[in-house]
């Protein structure tokens, strides 16, 4: 499917930030711009898939180099 280009630390941070933003969506029911918290879906999904389309476009990777 997609090439893995997200390392373990980057992956953990993406999942934590994604969950935190989605929790903000559910916990701030009275906020006027509450829908902005839904941007947390992006880091959560890229963290769970270990693949970031933006990294692919720019040729970046935070995965460790494989030793031969």
PDB file of N, CA and C in Angstrom:
ATOM      1  N   UNK A   1       0.835  -1.172   0.000  1.00  0.00           N
ATOM      2  CA  UNK A   1       0.000   0.000   0.000  1.00  0.00           C
ATOM      3  C   UNK A   1       0.885   1.242   0.000  1.00  0.00           C
ATOM      4  N   UNK A   2       1.182   1.814   1.158  1.00  0.00           N
ATOM      5  CA  UNK A   2       2.075   2.959   1.247  1.00  0.00           C
ATOM      6  C   UNK A   2       3.394   2.526   1.858  1.00  0.00           C
ATOM      7  N   UNK A   3       4.472   3.160   1.429  1.00  0.00           N
ATOM      8  CA  UNK A   3       5.782   2.870   1.989  1.00  0.00           C
ATOM      9  C   UNK A   3       5.868   3.489   3.389  1.00  0.00           C
ATOM     10  N   UNK A   4       6.397   2.725   4.335  1.00  0.00           N
ATOM     11  CA  UNK A   4       6.527   3.232   5.699  1.00  0.00           C
ATOM     12  C   UNK A   4       7.660   4.255   5.750  1.00  0.00           C
ATOM     13  N   UNK A   5       7.326   5.459   6.205  1.00  0.00           N
ATOM     14  CA  UNK A   5       8.323   6.515   6.285  1.00  0.00           C
ATOM     15  C   UNK A   5       8.228   7.290   7.598  1.00  0.00           C
ATOM     16  N   UNK A   6       7.530   6.743   8.581  1.00  0.00           N
ATOM     17  CA  UNK A   6       7.371   7.379   9.883  1.00  0.00           C
ATOM     18  C   UNK A   6       8.033   6.490  10.929  1.00  0.00           C
ATOM     19  N   UNK A   7       9.018   7.024  11.637  1.00  0.00           N
ATOM     20  CA  UNK A   7       9.736   6.270  12.661  1.00  0.00           C
ATOM     21  C   UNK A   7       8.924   6.102  13.931  1.00  0.00           C
ATOM     22  N   UNK A   8       9.465   5.373  14.880  1.00  0.00           N
ATOM     23  CA  UNK A   8       8.713   5.021  16.088  1.00  0.00           C
ATOM     24  C   UNK A   8       8.414   6.229  16.980  1.00  0.00           C
ATOM     25  N   UNK A   9       9.371   7.128  17.165  1.00  0.00           N
ATOM     26  CA  UNK A   9       9.126   8.310  18.001  1.00  0.00           C
ATOM     27  C   UNK A   9       8.119   9.224  17.307  1.00  0.00           C
ATOM     28  N   UNK A  10       8.315   9.459  16.028  1.00  0.00           N
ATOM     29  CA  UNK A  10       7.399  10.278  15.243  1.00  0.00           C
ATOM     30  C   UNK A  10       5.996   9.673  15.257  1.00  0.00           C
ATOM     31  N   UNK A  11       5.929   8.380  15.142  1.00  0.00           N
ATOM     32  CA  UNK A  11       4.645   7.672  15.134  1.00  0.00           C
ATOM     33  C   UNK A  11       3.922   7.840  16.474  1.00  0.00           C
ATOM     34  N   UNK A  12       4.650   7.669  17.568  1.00  0.00           N
ATOM     35  CA  UNK A  12       4.052   7.812  18.901  1.00  0.00           C
ATOM     36  C   UNK A  12       3.547   9.238  19.120  1.00  0.00           C
ATOM     37  N   UNK A  13       4.323  10.230  18.712  1.00  0.00           N
ATOM     38  CA  UNK A  13       3.903  11.623  18.866  1.00  0.00           C
ATOM     39  C   UNK A  13       2.661  11.920  18.030  1.00  0.00           C
ATOM     40  N   UNK A  14       2.595  11.399  16.829  1.00  0.00           N
ATOM     41  CA  UNK A  14       1.423  11.612  15.974  1.00  0.00           C
ATOM     42  C   UNK A  14       0.175  11.009  16.600  1.00  0.00           C
ATOM     43  N   UNK A  15       0.294   9.817  17.147  1.00  0.00           N
ATOM     44  CA  UNK A  15      -0.863   9.155  17.758  1.00  0.00           C
ATOM     45  C   UNK A  15      -1.322   9.921  18.996  1.00  0.00           C
ATOM     46  N   UNK A  16      -0.386  10.358  19.824  1.00  0.00           N
ATOM     47  CA  UNK A  16      -0.732  11.107  21.039  1.00  0.00           C
ATOM     48  C   UNK A  16      -1.402  12.431  20.692  1.00  0.00           C
ATOM     49  N   UNK A  17      -0.840  13.166  19.734  1.00  0.00           N
ATOM     50  CA  UNK A  17      -1.417  14.455  19.333  1.00  0.00           C
ATOM     51  C   UNK A  17      -2.795  14.250  18.709  1.00  0.00           C
ATOM     52  N   UNK A  18      -2.928  13.229  17.873  1.00  0.00           N
ATOM     53  CA  UNK A  18      -4.216  12.954  17.252  1.00  0.00           C
ATOM     54  C   UNK A  18      -5.294  12.632  18.269  1.00  0.00           C
ATOM     55  N   UNK A  19      -4.965  11.792  19.229  1.00  0.00           N
ATOM     56  CA  UNK A  19      -5.930  11.437  20.273  1.00  0.00           C
ATOM     57  C   UNK A  19      -6.266  12.654  21.130  1.00  0.00           C
ATOM     58  N   UNK A  20      -5.267  13.467  21.460  1.00  0.00           N
ATOM     59  CA  UNK A  20      -5.495  14.662  22.278  1.00  0.00           C
ATOM     60  C   UNK A  20      -6.435  15.638  21.565  1.00  0.00           C
ATOM     61  N   UNK A  21      -6.220  15.842  20.270  1.00  0.00           N
ATOM     62  CA  UNK A  21      -7.101  16.744  19.529  1.00  0.00           C
ATOM     63  C   UNK A  21      -8.524  16.204  19.432  1.00  0.00           C
ATOM     64  N   UNK A  22      -8.659  14.914  19.211  1.00  0.00           N
ATOM     65  CA  UNK A  22      -9.999  14.337  19.145  1.00  0.00           C
ATOM     66  C   UNK A  22     -10.697  14.369  20.505  1.00  0.00           C
ATOM     67  N   UNK A  23      -9.936  14.200  21.573  1.00  0.00           N
ATOM     68  CA  UNK A  23     -10.517  14.349  22.911  1.00  0.00           C
ATOM     69  C   UNK A  23     -10.992  15.779  23.129  1.00  0.00           C
ATOM     70  N   UNK A  24     -10.223  16.745  22.640  1.00  0.00           N
ATOM     71  CA  UNK A  24     -10.632  18.144  22.732  1.00  0.00           C
ATOM     72  C   UNK A  24     -11.951  18.384  22.025  1.00  0.00           C
ATOM     73  N   UNK A  25     -12.165  17.712  20.907  1.00  0.00           N
ATOM     74  CA  UNK A  25     -13.426  17.832  20.169  1.00  0.00           C
ATOM     75  C   UNK A  25     -14.601  17.371  21.032  1.00  0.00           C
ATOM     76  N   UNK A  26     -14.433  16.243  21.709  1.00  0.00           N
ATOM     77  CA  UNK A  26     -15.526  15.695  22.498  1.00  0.00           C
ATOM     78  C   UNK A  26     -15.700  16.393  23.849  1.00  0.00           C
ATOM     79  N   UNK A  27     -14.624  16.936  24.402  1.00  0.00           N
ATOM     80  CA  UNK A  27     -14.707  17.553  25.725  1.00  0.00           C
ATOM     81  C   UNK A  27     -15.097  19.025  25.681  1.00  0.00           C
ATOM     82  N   UNK A  28     -14.925  19.691  24.559  1.00  0.00           N
ATOM     83  CA  UNK A  28     -15.277  21.109  24.432  1.00  0.00           C
ATOM     84  C   UNK A  28     -16.543  21.253  23.596  1.00  0.00           C
ATOM     85  N   UNK A  29     -17.637  20.798  24.145  1.00  0.00           N
ATOM     86  CA  UNK A  29     -18.895  20.795  23.399  1.00  0.00           C
ATOM     87  C   UNK A  29     -19.425  22.199  23.127  1.00  0.00           C
ATOM     88  N   UNK A  30     -19.050  23.177  23.941  1.00  0.00           N
ATOM     89  CA  UNK A  30     -19.575  24.533  23.787  1.00  0.00           C
ATOM     90  C   UNK A  30     -18.666  25.443  22.972  1.00  0.00           C
ATOM     91  N   UNK A  31     -17.524  24.951  22.520  1.00  0.00           N
ATOM     92  CA  UNK A  31     -16.575  25.790  21.769  1.00  0.00           C
ATOM     93  C   UNK A  31     -17.158  26.143  20.402  1.00  0.00           C
ATOM     94  N   UNK A  32     -16.928  27.400  19.971  1.00  0.00           N
ATOM     95  CA  UNK A  32     -17.496  27.835  18.698  1.00  0.00           C
ATOM     96  C   UNK A  32     -16.757  27.235  17.501  1.00  0.00           C
ATOM     97  N   UNK A  33     -15.475  27.025  17.624  1.00  0.00           N
ATOM     98  CA  UNK A  33     -14.684  26.427  16.534  1.00  0.00           C
ATOM     99  C   UNK A  33     -14.302  24.990  16.876  1.00  0.00           C
ATOM    100  N   UNK A  34     -15.212  24.279  17.462  1.00  0.00           N
ATOM    101  CA  UNK A  34     -14.990  22.909  17.913  1.00  0.00           C
ATOM    102  C   UNK A  34     -14.576  21.985  16.771  1.00  0.00           C
ATOM    103  N   UNK A  35     -15.080  22.210  15.572  1.00  0.00           N
ATOM    104  CA  UNK A  35     -14.806  21.355  14.424  1.00  0.00           C
ATOM    105  C   UNK A  35     -13.325  21.355  14.039  1.00  0.00           C
ATOM    106  N   UNK A  36     -12.572  22.380  14.455  1.00  0.00           N
ATOM    107  CA  UNK A  36     -11.140  22.415  14.137  1.00  0.00           C
ATOM    108  C   UNK A  36     -10.368  21.285  14.812  1.00  0.00           C
ATOM    109  N   UNK A  37     -10.891  20.770  15.912  1.00  0.00           N
ATOM    110  CA  UNK A  37     -10.242  19.654  16.597  1.00  0.00           C
ATOM    111  C   UNK A  37     -10.227  18.389  15.732  1.00  0.00           C
ATOM    112  N   UNK A  38     -11.112  18.326  14.749  1.00  0.00           N
ATOM    113  CA  UNK A  38     -11.176  17.146  13.891  1.00  0.00           C
ATOM    114  C   UNK A  38      -9.929  16.983  13.029  1.00  0.00           C
ATOM    115  N   UNK A  39      -9.078  18.001  12.974  1.00  0.00           N
ATOM    116  CA  UNK A  39      -7.808  17.877  12.259  1.00  0.00           C
ATOM    117  C   UNK A  39      -6.943  16.795  12.910  1.00  0.00           C
ATOM    118  N   UNK A  40      -7.283  16.405  14.135  1.00  0.00           N
ATOM    119  CA  UNK A  40      -6.573  15.336  14.834  1.00  0.00           C
ATOM    120  C   UNK A  40      -6.683  13.996  14.137  1.00  0.00           C
ATOM    121  N   UNK A  41      -7.630  13.857  13.225  1.00  0.00           N
ATOM    122  CA  UNK A  41      -7.766  12.616  12.469  1.00  0.00           C
ATOM    123  C   UNK A  41      -6.527  12.380  11.611  1.00  0.00           C
ATOM    124  N   UNK A  42      -5.963  13.459  11.066  1.00  0.00           N
ATOM    125  CA  UNK A  42      -4.815  13.333  10.158  1.00  0.00           C
ATOM    126  C   UNK A  42      -3.594  12.746  10.864  1.00  0.00           C
ATOM    127  N   UNK A  43      -3.108  13.331  11.982  1.00  0.00           N
ATOM    128  CA  UNK A  43      -1.943  12.713  12.625  1.00  0.00           C
ATOM    129  C   UNK A  43      -2.235  11.323  13.184  1.00  0.00           C
ATOM    130  N   UNK A  44      -3.467  11.100  13.632  1.00  0.00           N
ATOM    131  CA  UNK A  44      -3.815   9.781  14.155  1.00  0.00           C
ATOM    132  C   UNK A  44      -3.735   8.719  13.058  1.00  0.00           C
ATOM    133  N   UNK A  45      -4.304   8.992  11.908  1.00  0.00           N
ATOM    134  CA  UNK A  45      -4.297   8.019  10.810  1.00  0.00           C
ATOM    135  C   UNK A  45      -2.883   7.812  10.274  1.00  0.00           C
ATOM    136  N   UNK A  46      -2.117   8.893  10.093  1.00  0.00           N
ATOM    137  CA  UNK A  46      -0.752   8.728   9.582  1.00  0.00           C
ATOM    138  C   UNK A  46       0.128   8.008  10.596  1.00  0.00           C
ATOM    139  N   UNK A  47      -0.131   8.205  11.871  1.00  0.00           N
ATOM    140  CA  UNK A  47       0.616   7.483  12.897  1.00  0.00           C
ATOM    141  C   UNK A  47       0.270   6.005  12.922  1.00  0.00           C
ATOM    142  N   UNK A  48      -1.000   5.691  12.781  1.00  0.00           N
ATOM    143  CA  UNK A  48      -1.415   4.294  12.786  1.00  0.00           C
ATOM    144  C   UNK A  48      -0.953   3.547  11.536  1.00  0.00           C
ATOM    145  N   UNK A  49      -0.876   4.256  10.407  1.00  0.00           N
ATOM    146  CA  UNK A  49      -0.437   3.629   9.158  1.00  0.00           C
ATOM    147  C   UNK A  49       1.079   3.624   9.002  1.00  0.00           C
ATOM    148  N   UNK A  50       1.788   4.388   9.831  1.00  0.00           N
ATOM    149  CA  UNK A  50       3.249   4.547   9.733  1.00  0.00           C
ATOM    150  C   UNK A  50       3.673   5.080   8.370  1.00  0.00           C
ATOM    151  N   UNK A  51       2.805   5.854   7.762  1.00  0.00           N
ATOM    152  CA  UNK A  51       3.090   6.422   6.457  1.00  0.00           C
ATOM    153  C   UNK A  51       2.501   7.819   6.375  1.00  0.00           C
ATOM    154  N   UNK A  52       3.306   8.766   5.897  1.00  0.00           N
ATOM    155  CA  UNK A  52       2.861  10.148   5.763  1.00  0.00           C
ATOM    156  C   UNK A  52       2.972  10.569   4.297  1.00  0.00           C
ATOM    157  N   UNK A  53       1.858  10.902   3.658  1.00  0.00           N
ATOM    158  CA  UNK A  53       1.909  11.326   2.257  1.00  0.00           C
ATOM    159  C   UNK A  53       2.772  12.565   2.041  1.00  0.00           C
ATOM    160  N   UNK A  54       2.778  13.485   2.982  1.00  0.00           N
ATOM    161  CA  UNK A  54       3.610  14.688   2.847  1.00  0.00           C
ATOM    162  C   UNK A  54       5.098  14.318   2.856  1.00  0.00           C
ATOM    163  N   UNK A  55       5.483  13.369   3.694  1.00  0.00           N
ATOM    164  CA  UNK A  55       6.873  12.908   3.700  1.00  0.00           C
ATOM    165  C   UNK A  55       7.233  12.290   2.352  1.00  0.00           C
ATOM    166  N   UNK A  56       6.304  11.552   1.760  1.00  0.00           N
ATOM    167  CA  UNK A  56       6.558  10.935   0.455  1.00  0.00           C
ATOM    168  C   UNK A  56       6.774  11.984  -0.623  1.00  0.00           C
ATOM    169  N   UNK A  57       5.972  13.037  -0.603  1.00  0.00           N
ATOM    170  CA  UNK A  57       6.091  14.100  -1.597  1.00  0.00           C
ATOM    171  C   UNK A  57       7.452  14.785  -1.512  1.00  0.00           C
ATOM    172  N   UNK A  58       7.908  15.049  -0.284  1.00  0.00           N
ATOM    173  CA  UNK A  58       9.170  15.757  -0.093  1.00  0.00           C
ATOM    174  C   UNK A  58      10.379  14.832   0.034  1.00  0.00           C
ATOM    175  N   UNK A  59      10.168  13.527  -0.019  1.00  0.00           N
ATOM    176  CA  UNK A  59      11.270  12.568   0.053  1.00  0.00           C
ATOM    177  C   UNK A  59      11.881  12.430   1.434  1.00  0.00           C
ATOM    178  N   UNK A  60      11.090  12.654   2.470  1.00  0.00           N
ATOM    179  CA  UNK A  60      11.576  12.564   3.850  1.00  0.00           C
ATOM    180  C   UNK A  60      11.223  11.204   4.454  1.00  0.00           C
ATOM    181  N   UNK A  61      11.948  10.858   5.498  1.00  0.00           N
ATOM    182  CA  UNK A  61      11.661   9.642   6.235  1.00  0.00           C
ATOM    183  C   UNK A  61      12.275   9.756   7.623  1.00  0.00           C
ATOM    184  N   UNK A  62      11.534   9.334   8.653  1.00  0.00           N
ATOM    185  CA  UNK A  62      12.086   9.317   9.995  1.00  0.00           C
ATOM    186  C   UNK A  62      12.350   7.886  10.461  1.00  0.00           C
ATOM    187  N   UNK A  63      12.192   6.928   9.555  1.00  0.00           N
ATOM    188  CA  UNK A  63      12.512   5.535   9.871  1.00  0.00           C
ATOM    189  C   UNK A  63      14.023   5.363   9.932  1.00  0.00           C
ATOM    190  N   UNK A  64      14.494   4.515  10.836  1.00  0.00           N
ATOM    191  CA  UNK A  64      15.934   4.274  10.893  1.00  0.00           C
ATOM    192  C   UNK A  64      16.418   3.560   9.630  1.00  0.00           C
ATOM    193  N   UNK A  65      17.664   3.786   9.293  1.00  0.00           N
ATOM    194  CA  UNK A  65      18.259   3.148   8.116  1.00  0.00           C
ATOM    195  C   UNK A  65      18.425   1.654   8.369  1.00  0.00           C
ATOM    196  N   UNK A  66      18.160   0.865   7.355  1.00  0.00           N
ATOM    197  CA  UNK A  66      18.343  -0.578   7.476  1.00  0.00           C
ATOM    198  C   UNK A  66      19.824  -0.918   7.307  1.00  0.00           C
ATOM    199  N   UNK A  67      20.329  -1.775   8.196  1.00  0.00           N
ATOM    200  CA  UNK A  67      21.715  -2.214   8.097  1.00  0.00           C
ATOM    201  C   UNK A  67      21.792  -3.452   7.228  1.00  0.00           C
ATOM    202  N   UNK A  68      22.725  -3.474   6.300  1.00  0.00           N
ATOM    203  CA  UNK A  68      22.869  -4.615   5.398  1.00  0.00           C
ATOM    204  C   UNK A  68      23.720  -5.698   5.997  1.00  0.00           C
TER     205      UNK A  68
END
